[in-house]
Amino acid sequence: MDERTTSLGLFNFAEAYRLSAIALQLENIAHGHAHTPVRMLYHHATELYLKALLRQKYSVTVLTKRFRHDIKRMTKLSV
């Protein structure tokens, strides 16, 4: 698993989420909670960017067990 989940792979995955958020945002859907999927896409992209940075130092197992989806914890260690 470690050799398949590289820092660059995580970065590219994050970019896909960010670009999807931008595309959806440009649709200017003004109905109900239309902003929620956009925010979710940006949030997940941020998480993946941080994991890409941390993947240079930590294994996939450590990322999964130690950080999970804790963006605050990832941010503290990526500075």
PDB file of N, CA and C in Angstrom:
ATOM      1  N   MET A   1       0.829  -1.197   0.000  1.00  0.00           N
ATOM      2  CA  MET A   1       0.000   0.000   0.000  1.00  0.00           C
ATOM      3  C   MET A   1       0.869   1.254   0.000  1.00  0.00           C
ATOM      4  N   ASP A   2       1.930   1.300   0.775  1.00  0.00           N
ATOM      5  CA  ASP A   2       2.767   2.496   0.870  1.00  0.00           C
ATOM      6  C   ASP A   2       3.330   2.928  -0.484  1.00  0.00           C
ATOM      7  N   GLU A   3       3.790   1.979  -1.282  1.00  0.00           N
ATOM      8  CA  GLU A   3       4.411   2.346  -2.545  1.00  0.00           C
ATOM      9  C   GLU A   3       3.394   2.859  -3.569  1.00  0.00           C
ATOM     10  N   ARG A   4       2.117   2.528  -3.392  1.00  0.00           N
ATOM     11  CA  ARG A   4       1.091   3.007  -4.319  1.00  0.00           C
ATOM     12  C   ARG A   4       0.528   4.361  -3.898  1.00  0.00           C
ATOM     13  N   THR A   5       0.601   4.679  -2.624  1.00  0.00           N
ATOM     14  CA  THR A   5       0.063   5.945  -2.127  1.00  0.00           C
ATOM     15  C   THR A   5       1.218   6.902  -1.874  1.00  0.00           C
ATOM     16  N   THR A   6       1.632   7.564  -2.934  1.00  0.00           N
ATOM     17  CA  THR A   6       2.766   8.473  -2.843  1.00  0.00           C
ATOM     18  C   THR A   6       2.287   9.888  -2.527  1.00  0.00           C
ATOM     19  N   SER A   7       3.221  10.711  -2.172  1.00  0.00           N
ATOM     20  CA  SER A   7       2.918  12.113  -1.907  1.00  0.00           C
ATOM     21  C   SER A   7       2.338  12.773  -3.162  1.00  0.00           C
ATOM     22  N   LEU A   8       2.924  12.492  -4.309  1.00  0.00           N
ATOM     23  CA  LEU A   8       2.442  13.064  -5.564  1.00  0.00           C
ATOM     24  C   LEU A   8       1.041  12.549  -5.909  1.00  0.00           C
ATOM     25  N   GLY A   9       0.792  11.286  -5.656  1.00  0.00           N
ATOM     26  CA  GLY A   9      -0.526  10.720  -5.913  1.00  0.00           C
ATOM     27  C   GLY A   9      -1.593  11.391  -5.061  1.00  0.00           C
ATOM     28  N   LEU A  10      -1.297  11.602  -3.787  1.00  0.00           N
ATOM     29  CA  LEU A  10      -2.236  12.294  -2.899  1.00  0.00           C
ATOM     30  C   LEU A  10      -2.453  13.736  -3.346  1.00  0.00           C
ATOM     31  N   PHE A  11      -1.367  14.389  -3.783  1.00  0.00           N
ATOM     32  CA  PHE A  11      -1.478  15.759  -4.279  1.00  0.00           C
ATOM     33  C   PHE A  11      -2.385  15.821  -5.503  1.00  0.00           C
ATOM     34  N   ASN A  12      -2.201  14.898  -6.441  1.00  0.00           N
ATOM     35  CA  ASN A  12      -3.023  14.880  -7.653  1.00  0.00           C
ATOM     36  C   ASN A  12      -4.494  14.617  -7.327  1.00  0.00           C
ATOM     37  N   PHE A  13      -4.733  13.759  -6.355  1.00  0.00           N
ATOM     38  CA  PHE A  13      -6.085  13.462  -5.912  1.00  0.00           C
ATOM     39  C   PHE A  13      -6.712  14.723  -5.293  1.00  0.00           C
ATOM     40  N   ALA A  14      -5.932  15.456  -4.509  1.00  0.00           N
ATOM     41  CA  ALA A  14      -6.399  16.709  -3.914  1.00  0.00           C
ATOM     42  C   ALA A  14      -6.749  17.727  -4.996  1.00  0.00           C
ATOM     43  N   GLU A  15      -5.928  17.805  -6.008  1.00  0.00           N
ATOM     44  CA  GLU A  15      -6.185  18.727  -7.116  1.00  0.00           C
ATOM     45  C   GLU A  15      -7.499  18.395  -7.806  1.00  0.00           C
ATOM     46  N   ALA A  16      -7.797  17.117  -7.968  1.00  0.00           N
ATOM     47  CA  ALA A  16      -9.052  16.704  -8.601  1.00  0.00           C
ATOM     48  C   ALA A  16     -10.248  17.200  -7.786  1.00  0.00           C
ATOM     49  N   TYR A  17     -10.160  17.089  -6.464  1.00  0.00           N
ATOM     50  CA  TYR A  17     -11.240  17.580  -5.604  1.00  0.00           C
ATOM     51  C   TYR A  17     -11.348  19.101  -5.675  1.00  0.00           C
ATOM     52  N   ARG A  18     -10.223  19.798  -5.678  1.00  0.00           N
ATOM     53  CA  ARG A  18     -10.238  21.261  -5.740  1.00  0.00           C
ATOM     54  C   ARG A  18     -10.829  21.747  -7.054  1.00  0.00           C
ATOM     55  N   LEU A  19     -10.406  21.140  -8.148  1.00  0.00           N
ATOM     56  CA  LEU A  19     -10.921  21.545  -9.454  1.00  0.00           C
ATOM     57  C   LEU A  19     -12.413  21.232  -9.598  1.00  0.00           C
ATOM     58  N   SER A  20     -12.854  20.146  -8.994  1.00  0.00           N
ATOM     59  CA  SER A  20     -14.283  19.815  -8.999  1.00  0.00           C
ATOM     60  C   SER A  20     -15.075  20.850  -8.200  1.00  0.00           C
ATOM     61  N   ALA A  21     -14.517  21.291  -7.085  1.00  0.00           N
ATOM     62  CA  ALA A  21     -15.180  22.317  -6.282  1.00  0.00           C
ATOM     63  C   ALA A  21     -15.318  23.610  -7.073  1.00  0.00           C
ATOM     64  N   ILE A  22     -14.267  23.982  -7.766  1.00  0.00           N
ATOM     65  CA  ILE A  22     -14.301  25.198  -8.575  1.00  0.00           C
ATOM     66  C   ILE A  22     -15.365  25.076  -9.672  1.00  0.00           C
ATOM     67  N   ALA A  23     -15.391  23.951 -10.364  1.00  0.00           N
ATOM     68  CA  ALA A  23     -16.367  23.742 -11.447  1.00  0.00           C
ATOM     69  C   ALA A  23     -17.791  23.811 -10.915  1.00  0.00           C
ATOM     70  N   LEU A  24     -18.039  23.182  -9.787  1.00  0.00           N
ATOM     71  CA  LEU A  24     -19.375  23.200  -9.201  1.00  0.00           C
ATOM     72  C   LEU A  24     -19.749  24.605  -8.724  1.00  0.00           C
ATOM     73  N   GLN A  25     -18.780  25.307  -8.168  1.00  0.00           N
ATOM     74  CA  GLN A  25     -19.016  26.670  -7.683  1.00  0.00           C
ATOM     75  C   GLN A  25     -19.362  27.612  -8.842  1.00  0.00           C
ATOM     76  N   LEU A  26     -18.734  27.403  -9.979  1.00  0.00           N
ATOM     77  CA  LEU A  26     -18.980  28.251 -11.151  1.00  0.00           C
ATOM     78  C   LEU A  26     -20.383  28.060 -11.729  1.00  0.00           C
ATOM     79  N   GLU A  27     -21.043  26.988 -11.359  1.00  0.00           N
ATOM     80  CA  GLU A  27     -22.410  26.755 -11.831  1.00  0.00           C
ATOM     81  C   GLU A  27     -23.410  27.700 -11.184  1.00  0.00           C
ATOM     82  N   ASN A  28     -23.014  28.351 -10.094  1.00  0.00           N
ATOM     83  CA  ASN A  28     -23.867  29.324  -9.396  1.00  0.00           C
ATOM     84  C   ASN A  28     -25.260  28.793  -9.083  1.00  0.00           C
ATOM     85  N   ILE A  29     -25.313  27.615  -8.544  1.00  0.00           N
ATOM     86  CA  ILE A  29     -26.588  27.027  -8.156  1.00  0.00           C
ATOM     87  C   ILE A  29     -27.036  27.711  -6.872  1.00  0.00           C
ATOM     88  N   ALA A  30     -28.199  28.318  -6.914  1.00  0.00           N
ATOM     89  CA  ALA A  30     -28.695  29.079  -5.762  1.00  0.00           C
ATOM     90  C   ALA A  30     -29.966  28.429  -5.218  1.00  0.00           C
ATOM     91  N   HIS A  31     -29.843  27.199  -4.813  1.00  0.00           N
ATOM     92  CA  HIS A  31     -31.007  26.488  -4.315  1.00  0.00           C
ATOM     93  C   HIS A  31     -30.640  25.729  -3.041  1.00  0.00           C
ATOM     94  N   GLY A  32     -31.408  25.923  -2.010  1.00  0.00           N
ATOM     95  CA  GLY A  32     -31.214  25.166  -0.776  1.00  0.00           C
ATOM     96  C   GLY A  32     -29.800  25.257  -0.229  1.00  0.00           C
ATOM     97  N   HIS A  33     -29.199  24.130  -0.058  1.00  0.00           N
ATOM     98  CA  HIS A  33     -27.845  24.034   0.507  1.00  0.00           C
ATOM     99  C   HIS A  33     -26.819  23.705  -0.586  1.00  0.00           C
ATOM    100  N   ALA A  34     -26.921  24.381  -1.707  1.00  0.00           N
ATOM    101  CA  ALA A  34     -26.040  24.106  -2.844  1.00  0.00           C
ATOM    102  C   ALA A  34     -24.570  24.328  -2.513  1.00  0.00           C
ATOM    103  N   HIS A  35     -24.279  25.165  -1.520  1.00  0.00           N
ATOM    104  CA  HIS A  35     -22.885  25.440  -1.152  1.00  0.00           C
ATOM    105  C   HIS A  35     -22.252  24.269  -0.384  1.00  0.00           C
ATOM    106  N   THR A  36     -23.063  23.401   0.194  1.00  0.00           N
ATOM    107  CA  THR A  36     -22.538  22.319   1.029  1.00  0.00           C
ATOM    108  C   THR A  36     -21.626  21.363   0.268  1.00  0.00           C
ATOM    109  N   PRO A  37     -21.987  20.871  -0.918  1.00  0.00           N
ATOM    110  CA  PRO A  37     -21.062  19.995  -1.643  1.00  0.00           C
ATOM    111  C   PRO A  37     -19.754  20.685  -2.019  1.00  0.00           C
ATOM    112  N   VAL A  38     -19.835  21.976  -2.333  1.00  0.00           N
ATOM    113  CA  VAL A  38     -18.620  22.731  -2.676  1.00  0.00           C
ATOM    114  C   VAL A  38     -17.695  22.785  -1.470  1.00  0.00           C
ATOM    115  N   ARG A  39     -18.249  23.101  -0.316  1.00  0.00           N
ATOM    116  CA  ARG A  39     -17.442  23.156   0.912  1.00  0.00           C
ATOM    117  C   ARG A  39     -16.844  21.792   1.229  1.00  0.00           C
ATOM    118  N   MET A  40     -17.622  20.722   1.041  1.00  0.00           N
ATOM    119  CA  MET A  40     -17.119  19.380   1.308  1.00  0.00           C
ATOM    120  C   MET A  40     -15.946  19.046   0.384  1.00  0.00           C
ATOM    121  N   LEU A  41     -16.058  19.428  -0.877  1.00  0.00           N
ATOM    122  CA  LEU A  41     -14.974  19.174  -1.825  1.00  0.00           C
ATOM    123  C   LEU A  41     -13.706  19.943  -1.442  1.00  0.00           C
ATOM    124  N   TYR A  42     -13.862  21.206  -1.058  1.00  0.00           N
ATOM    125  CA  TYR A  42     -12.697  21.991  -0.618  1.00  0.00           C
ATOM    126  C   TYR A  42     -12.099  21.414   0.667  1.00  0.00           C
ATOM    127  N   HIS A  43     -12.941  21.008   1.571  1.00  0.00           N
ATOM    128  CA  HIS A  43     -12.468  20.433   2.838  1.00  0.00           C
ATOM    129  C   HIS A  43     -11.666  19.153   2.576  1.00  0.00           C
ATOM    130  N   HIS A  44     -12.191  18.307   1.718  1.00  0.00           N
ATOM    131  CA  HIS A  44     -11.481  17.058   1.429  1.00  0.00           C
ATOM    132  C   HIS A  44     -10.183  17.332   0.667  1.00  0.00           C
ATOM    133  N   ALA A  45     -10.202  18.312  -0.224  1.00  0.00           N
ATOM    134  CA  ALA A  45      -8.974  18.678  -0.938  1.00  0.00           C
ATOM    135  C   ALA A  45      -7.912  19.152   0.044  1.00  0.00           C
ATOM    136  N   THR A  46      -8.307  19.967   1.018  1.00  0.00           N
ATOM    137  CA  THR A  46      -7.367  20.446   2.034  1.00  0.00           C
ATOM    138  C   THR A  46      -6.776  19.280   2.805  1.00  0.00           C
ATOM    139  N   GLU A  47      -7.620  18.343   3.197  1.00  0.00           N
ATOM    140  CA  GLU A  47      -7.141  17.168   3.926  1.00  0.00           C
ATOM    141  C   GLU A  47      -6.124  16.386   3.087  1.00  0.00           C
ATOM    142  N   LEU A  48      -6.420  16.215   1.816  1.00  0.00           N
ATOM    143  CA  LEU A  48      -5.507  15.459   0.943  1.00  0.00           C
ATOM    144  C   LEU A  48      -4.200  16.213   0.687  1.00  0.00           C
ATOM    145  N   TYR A  49      -4.248  17.544   0.569  1.00  0.00           N
ATOM    146  CA  TYR A  49      -3.008  18.321   0.426  1.00  0.00           C
ATOM    147  C   TYR A  49      -2.124  18.136   1.655  1.00  0.00           C
ATOM    148  N   LEU A  50      -2.723  18.191   2.831  1.00  0.00           N
ATOM    149  CA  LEU A  50      -1.959  17.996   4.061  1.00  0.00           C
ATOM    150  C   LEU A  50      -1.380  16.589   4.132  1.00  0.00           C
ATOM    151  N   LYS A  51      -2.173  15.605   3.747  1.00  0.00           N
ATOM    152  CA  LYS A  51      -1.681  14.224   3.759  1.00  0.00           C
ATOM    153  C   LYS A  51      -0.556  14.034   2.744  1.00  0.00           C
ATOM    154  N   ALA A  52      -0.639  14.734   1.611  1.00  0.00           N
ATOM    155  CA  ALA A  52       0.437  14.659   0.622  1.00  0.00           C
ATOM    156  C   ALA A  52       1.737  15.183   1.211  1.00  0.00           C
ATOM    157  N   LEU A  53       1.633  16.278   1.935  1.00  0.00           N
ATOM    158  CA  LEU A  53       2.811  16.852   2.588  1.00  0.00           C
ATOM    159  C   LEU A  53       3.347  15.912   3.666  1.00  0.00           C
ATOM    160  N   LEU A  54       2.455  15.394   4.492  1.00  0.00           N
ATOM    161  CA  LEU A  54       2.868  14.497   5.577  1.00  0.00           C
ATOM    162  C   LEU A  54       3.344  13.144   5.070  1.00  0.00           C
ATOM    163  N   ARG A  55       2.885  12.744   3.895  1.00  0.00           N
ATOM    164  CA  ARG A  55       3.287  11.437   3.339  1.00  0.00           C
ATOM    165  C   ARG A  55       4.779  11.399   3.044  1.00  0.00           C
ATOM    166  N   GLN A  56       5.389  12.550   2.877  1.00  0.00           N
ATOM    167  CA  GLN A  56       6.833  12.601   2.651  1.00  0.00           C
ATOM    168  C   GLN A  56       7.597  12.134   3.883  1.00  0.00           C
ATOM    169  N   LYS A  57       6.967  12.226   5.052  1.00  0.00           N
ATOM    170  CA  LYS A  57       7.627  11.871   6.306  1.00  0.00           C
ATOM    171  C   LYS A  57       7.055  10.599   6.936  1.00  0.00           C
ATOM    172  N   TYR A  58       5.751  10.350   6.738  1.00  0.00           N
ATOM    173  CA  TYR A  58       5.076   9.247   7.418  1.00  0.00           C
ATOM    174  C   TYR A  58       4.561   8.201   6.427  1.00  0.00           C
ATOM    175  N   SER A  59       4.417   6.988   6.917  1.00  0.00           N
ATOM    176  CA  SER A  59       3.857   5.911   6.097  1.00  0.00           C
ATOM    177  C   SER A  59       2.346   6.058   6.002  1.00  0.00           C
ATOM    178  N   VAL A  60       1.755   5.320   5.090  1.00  0.00           N
ATOM    179  CA  VAL A  60       0.304   5.331   4.929  1.00  0.00           C
ATOM    180  C   VAL A  60      -0.365   4.840   6.206  1.00  0.00           C
ATOM    181  N   THR A  61       0.220   3.835   6.832  1.00  0.00           N
ATOM    182  CA  THR A  61      -0.330   3.299   8.078  1.00  0.00           C
ATOM    183  C   THR A  61      -0.370   4.370   9.159  1.00  0.00           C
ATOM    184  N   VAL A  62       0.692   5.127   9.296  1.00  0.00           N
ATOM    185  CA  VAL A  62       0.729   6.195  10.299  1.00  0.00           C
ATOM    186  C   VAL A  62      -0.299   7.277   9.957  1.00  0.00           C
ATOM    187  N   LEU A  63      -0.389   7.643   8.683  1.00  0.00           N
ATOM    188  CA  LEU A  63      -1.383   8.647   8.276  1.00  0.00           C
ATOM    189  C   LEU A  63      -2.789   8.180   8.628  1.00  0.00           C
ATOM    190  N   THR A  64      -3.052   6.919   8.379  1.00  0.00           N
ATOM    191  CA  THR A  64      -4.382   6.374   8.629  1.00  0.00           C
ATOM    192  C   THR A  64      -4.687   6.281  10.119  1.00  0.00           C
ATOM    193  N   LYS A  65      -3.759   5.753  10.880  1.00  0.00           N
ATOM    194  CA  LYS A  65      -4.013   5.522  12.306  1.00  0.00           C
ATOM    195  C   LYS A  65      -3.831   6.775  13.163  1.00  0.00           C
ATOM    196  N   ARG A  66      -2.808   7.565  12.870  1.00  0.00           N
ATOM    197  CA  ARG A  66      -2.479   8.700  13.739  1.00  0.00           C
ATOM    198  C   ARG A  66      -3.290   9.955  13.415  1.00  0.00           C
ATOM    199  N   PHE A  67      -3.502  10.181  12.132  1.00  0.00           N
ATOM    200  CA  PHE A  67      -4.137  11.436  11.728  1.00  0.00           C
ATOM    201  C   PHE A  67      -5.602  11.289  11.330  1.00  0.00           C
ATOM    202  N   ARG A  68      -5.956  10.162  10.750  1.00  0.00           N
ATOM    203  CA  ARG A  68      -7.319   9.924  10.259  1.00  0.00           C
ATOM    204  C   ARG A  68      -7.806  11.134   9.468  1.00  0.00           C
ATOM    205  N   HIS A  69      -8.803  11.847   9.948  1.00  0.00           N
ATOM    206  CA  HIS A  69      -9.329  13.024   9.253  1.00  0.00           C
ATOM    207  C   HIS A  69      -9.154  14.286  10.098  1.00  0.00           C
ATOM    208  N   ASP A  70      -8.190  14.253  10.998  1.00  0.00           N
ATOM    209  CA  ASP A  70      -7.978  15.353  11.945  1.00  0.00           C
ATOM    210  C   ASP A  70      -7.095  16.434  11.308  1.00  0.00           C
ATOM    211  N   ILE A  71      -7.737  17.388  10.651  1.00  0.00           N
ATOM    212  CA  ILE A  71      -7.015  18.439   9.938  1.00  0.00           C
ATOM    213  C   ILE A  71      -6.195  19.306  10.890  1.00  0.00           C
ATOM    214  N   LYS A  72      -6.719  19.569  12.082  1.00  0.00           N
ATOM    215  CA  LYS A  72      -5.969  20.366  13.052  1.00  0.00           C
ATOM    216  C   LYS A  72      -4.648  19.687  13.407  1.00  0.00           C
ATOM    217  N   ARG A  73      -4.692  18.386  13.668  1.00  0.00           N
ATOM    218  CA  ARG A  73      -3.478  17.654  14.001  1.00  0.00           C
ATOM    219  C   ARG A  73      -2.506  17.636  12.815  1.00  0.00           C
ATOM    220  N   MET A  74      -3.033  17.440  11.616  1.00  0.00           N
ATOM    221  CA  MET A  74      -2.171  17.429  10.427  1.00  0.00           C
ATOM    222  C   MET A  74      -1.518  18.784  10.224  1.00  0.00           C
ATOM    223  N   THR A  75      -2.270  19.843  10.442  1.00  0.00           N
ATOM    224  CA  THR A  75      -1.752  21.197  10.259  1.00  0.00           C
ATOM    225  C   THR A  75      -0.598  21.491  11.225  1.00  0.00           C
ATOM    226  N   LYS A  76      -0.740  21.071  12.459  1.00  0.00           N
ATOM    227  CA  LYS A  76       0.310  21.305  13.455  1.00  0.00           C
ATOM    228  C   LYS A  76       1.622  20.652  13.051  1.00  0.00           C
ATOM    229  N   LEU A  77       1.542  19.452  12.475  1.00  0.00           N
ATOM    230  CA  LEU A  77       2.769  18.725  12.140  1.00  0.00           C
ATOM    231  C   LEU A  77       3.322  19.037  10.764  1.00  0.00           C
ATOM    232  N   SER A  78       2.550  19.723   9.934  1.00  0.00           N
ATOM    233  CA  SER A  78       3.028  20.009   8.580  1.00  0.00           C
ATOM    234  C   SER A  78       3.717  21.353   8.480  1.00  0.00           C
ATOM    235  N   VAL A  79       3.721  22.135   9.540  1.00  0.00           N
ATOM    236  CA  VAL A  79       4.336  23.467   9.505  1.00  0.00           C
ATOM    237  C   VAL A  79       5.825  23.370   9.643  1.00  0.00           C
TER     238      VAL A  79
END
